[in-house]
Amino acid sequence: MGDGLCFEAFVGAKVTGIGRFAAACGLPLLVPDQPWSRECFGAEASYLEAAALRQNPVKLRTFYERCPHLPAPALKLYSWDEVAEQLELCYRSLG
């Protein structure tokens, strides 16, 4: 596991590039609790709730303290060849 910290806070935007990069480096993830982040990261991330803003500083501090002991996220990371193959399949399906 890396000894860094990734805090991906892009509220209201589906931005997963930084999170995937951090995961590839073995860093634990802290992301906003939104449908897209749950879909992308599932149980492999820690979440901050927008509705609980007053609790988030405590959650952030707790995450920071636990970070060195958290396992690396087990996310499927794709090679450029795999991405190209999936893109080609997508385009072919369009006719």
C-alpha atoms as a PDB file:
ATOM      1  CA  MET A   1       0.000   0.000   0.000  1.00  0.00           C
ATOM      2  CA  GLY A   2       1.139   3.527  -0.667  1.00  0.00           C
ATOM      3  CA  ASP A   3       1.710   5.914   2.182  1.00  0.00           C
ATOM      4  CA  GLY A   4      -0.103   8.818   0.559  1.00  0.00           C
ATOM      5  CA  LEU A   5      -3.625  10.117   0.762  1.00  0.00           C
ATOM      6  CA  CYS A   6      -6.149  10.632  -2.000  1.00  0.00           C
ATOM      7  CA  PHE A   7      -9.073  12.898  -1.306  1.00  0.00           C
ATOM      8  CA  GLU A   8     -11.179  13.089  -4.446  1.00  0.00           C
ATOM      9  CA  ALA A   9     -13.731  15.816  -3.888  1.00  0.00           C
ATOM     10  CA  PHE A  10     -15.493  16.716  -7.094  1.00  0.00           C
ATOM     11  CA  VAL A  11     -18.982  17.394  -5.818  1.00  0.00           C
ATOM     12  CA  GLY A  12     -21.625  17.055  -8.501  1.00  0.00           C
ATOM     13  CA  ALA A  13     -19.277  15.863 -11.245  1.00  0.00           C
ATOM     14  CA  LYS A  14     -18.529  12.361 -12.417  1.00  0.00           C
ATOM     15  CA  VAL A  15     -14.758  12.569 -12.206  1.00  0.00           C
ATOM     16  CA  THR A  16     -13.051   9.268 -11.516  1.00  0.00           C
ATOM     17  CA  GLY A  17      -9.650   9.727 -13.136  1.00  0.00           C
ATOM     18  CA  ILE A  18      -7.872  10.880  -9.992  1.00  0.00           C
ATOM     19  CA  GLY A  19      -9.463   8.115  -7.951  1.00  0.00           C
ATOM     20  CA  ARG A  20      -8.456   5.446 -10.447  1.00  0.00           C
ATOM     21  CA  PHE A  21      -4.937   6.841 -10.609  1.00  0.00           C
ATOM     22  CA  ALA A  22      -4.724   6.806  -6.807  1.00  0.00           C
ATOM     23  CA  ALA A  23      -6.078   3.246  -6.732  1.00  0.00           C
ATOM     24  CA  ALA A  24      -3.461   2.185  -9.294  1.00  0.00           C
ATOM     25  CA  CYS A  25      -0.838   3.566  -6.907  1.00  0.00           C
ATOM     26  CA  GLY A  26      -2.352   1.564  -4.040  1.00  0.00           C
ATOM     27  CA  LEU A  27      -3.713   4.585  -2.176  1.00  0.00           C
ATOM     28  CA  PRO A  28      -6.919   4.426  -0.117  1.00  0.00           C
ATOM     29  CA  LEU A  29      -9.768   6.521  -1.512  1.00  0.00           C
ATOM     30  CA  LEU A  30     -12.048   9.075   0.120  1.00  0.00           C
ATOM     31  CA  VAL A  31     -14.763  10.176  -2.293  1.00  0.00           C
ATOM     32  CA  PRO A  32     -18.139  11.950  -2.141  1.00  0.00           C
ATOM     33  CA  ASP A  33     -21.058   9.651  -1.377  1.00  0.00           C
ATOM     34  CA  GLN A  34     -22.872   9.932  -4.692  1.00  0.00           C
ATOM     35  CA  PRO A  35     -24.350   7.297  -7.006  1.00  0.00           C
ATOM     36  CA  TRP A  36     -21.491   7.563  -9.528  1.00  0.00           C
ATOM     37  CA  SER A  37     -18.819   7.099  -6.852  1.00  0.00           C
ATOM     38  CA  ARG A  38     -20.639   4.113  -5.324  1.00  0.00           C
ATOM     39  CA  GLU A  39     -20.908   2.622  -8.827  1.00  0.00           C
ATOM     40  CA  CYS A  40     -17.222   3.184  -9.591  1.00  0.00           C
ATOM     41  CA  PHE A  41     -15.631   2.327  -6.251  1.00  0.00           C
ATOM     42  CA  GLY A  42     -18.165   0.250  -4.273  1.00  0.00           C
ATOM     43  CA  ALA A  43     -16.760  -1.065  -1.005  1.00  0.00           C
ATOM     44  CA  GLU A  44     -13.217  -0.155  -2.069  1.00  0.00           C
ATOM     45  CA  ALA A  45     -13.510   3.478  -0.935  1.00  0.00           C
ATOM     46  CA  SER A  46     -14.454   5.555   2.079  1.00  0.00           C
ATOM     47  CA  TYR A  47     -17.239   8.094   1.581  1.00  0.00           C
ATOM     48  CA  LEU A  48     -18.141  11.606   2.694  1.00  0.00           C
ATOM     49  CA  GLU A  49     -21.837  12.460   2.811  1.00  0.00           C
ATOM     50  CA  ALA A  50     -22.902  15.841   1.443  1.00  0.00           C
ATOM     51  CA  ALA A  51     -25.869  15.906   3.841  1.00  0.00           C
ATOM     52  CA  ALA A  52     -23.576  15.498   6.847  1.00  0.00           C
ATOM     53  CA  LEU A  53     -21.216  18.434   6.290  1.00  0.00           C
ATOM     54  CA  ARG A  54     -20.741  19.043  10.011  1.00  0.00           C
ATOM     55  CA  GLN A  55     -19.519  15.459  10.480  1.00  0.00           C
ATOM     56  CA  ASN A  56     -17.159  15.488   7.505  1.00  0.00           C
ATOM     57  CA  PRO A  57     -14.190  17.119   9.298  1.00  0.00           C
ATOM     58  CA  VAL A  58     -14.282  14.276  11.833  1.00  0.00           C
ATOM     59  CA  LYS A  59     -14.631  11.702   9.050  1.00  0.00           C
ATOM     60  CA  LEU A  60     -11.752  13.293   7.156  1.00  0.00           C
ATOM     61  CA  ARG A  61      -9.534  13.229  10.265  1.00  0.00           C
ATOM     62  CA  THR A  62     -10.482   9.597  10.968  1.00  0.00           C
ATOM     63  CA  PHE A  63      -9.717   8.617   7.371  1.00  0.00           C
ATOM     64  CA  TYR A  64      -6.374  10.422   7.513  1.00  0.00           C
ATOM     65  CA  GLU A  65      -5.424   8.599  10.722  1.00  0.00           C
ATOM     66  CA  ARG A  66      -6.516   5.194   9.362  1.00  0.00           C
ATOM     67  CA  CYS A  67      -5.019   5.745   5.909  1.00  0.00           C
ATOM     68  CA  PRO A  68      -1.614   4.105   6.544  1.00  0.00           C
ATOM     69  CA  HIS A  69      -3.398   0.934   7.699  1.00  0.00           C
ATOM     70  CA  LEU A  70      -6.044   0.707   4.976  1.00  0.00           C
ATOM     71  CA  PRO A  71      -5.591  -1.854   2.196  1.00  0.00           C
ATOM     72  CA  ALA A  72      -5.070  -0.810  -1.385  1.00  0.00           C
ATOM     73  CA  PRO A  73      -8.346  -0.687  -3.339  1.00  0.00           C
ATOM     74  CA  ALA A  74      -9.014  -3.823  -5.373  1.00  0.00           C
ATOM     75  CA  LEU A  75     -10.347  -2.135  -8.502  1.00  0.00           C
ATOM     76  CA  LYS A  76     -10.169  -3.496 -12.025  1.00  0.00           C
ATOM     77  CA  LEU A  77      -7.707  -1.319 -13.899  1.00  0.00           C
ATOM     78  CA  TYR A  78      -7.696  -1.509 -17.677  1.00  0.00           C
ATOM     79  CA  SER A  79      -4.753  -1.352 -20.043  1.00  0.00           C
ATOM     80  CA  TRP A  80      -4.918   0.955 -23.058  1.00  0.00           C
ATOM     81  CA  ASP A  81      -5.330  -2.139 -25.259  1.00  0.00           C
ATOM     82  CA  GLU A  82      -8.361  -3.257 -23.234  1.00  0.00           C
ATOM     83  CA  VAL A  83      -9.870   0.223 -23.425  1.00  0.00           C
ATOM     84  CA  ALA A  84      -9.320   0.316 -27.201  1.00  0.00           C
ATOM     85  CA  GLU A  85     -10.948  -3.111 -27.605  1.00  0.00           C
ATOM     86  CA  GLN A  86     -14.016  -2.039 -25.608  1.00  0.00           C
ATOM     87  CA  LEU A  87     -14.266   1.210 -27.561  1.00  0.00           C
ATOM     88  CA  GLU A  88     -14.052  -0.667 -30.851  1.00  0.00           C
ATOM     89  CA  LEU A  89     -16.846  -3.035 -29.716  1.00  0.00           C
ATOM     90  CA  CYS A  90     -18.948  -0.062 -28.746  1.00  0.00           C
ATOM     91  CA  TYR A  91     -18.494   1.612 -32.135  1.00  0.00           C
ATOM     92  CA  ARG A  92     -19.182  -1.626 -34.010  1.00  0.00           C
ATOM     93  CA  SER A  93     -22.433  -2.073 -32.091  1.00  0.00           C
ATOM     94  CA  LEU A  94     -23.623   1.292 -33.408  1.00  0.00           C
ATOM     95  CA  GLY A  95     -23.740  -0.108 -36.891  1.00  0.00           C
END
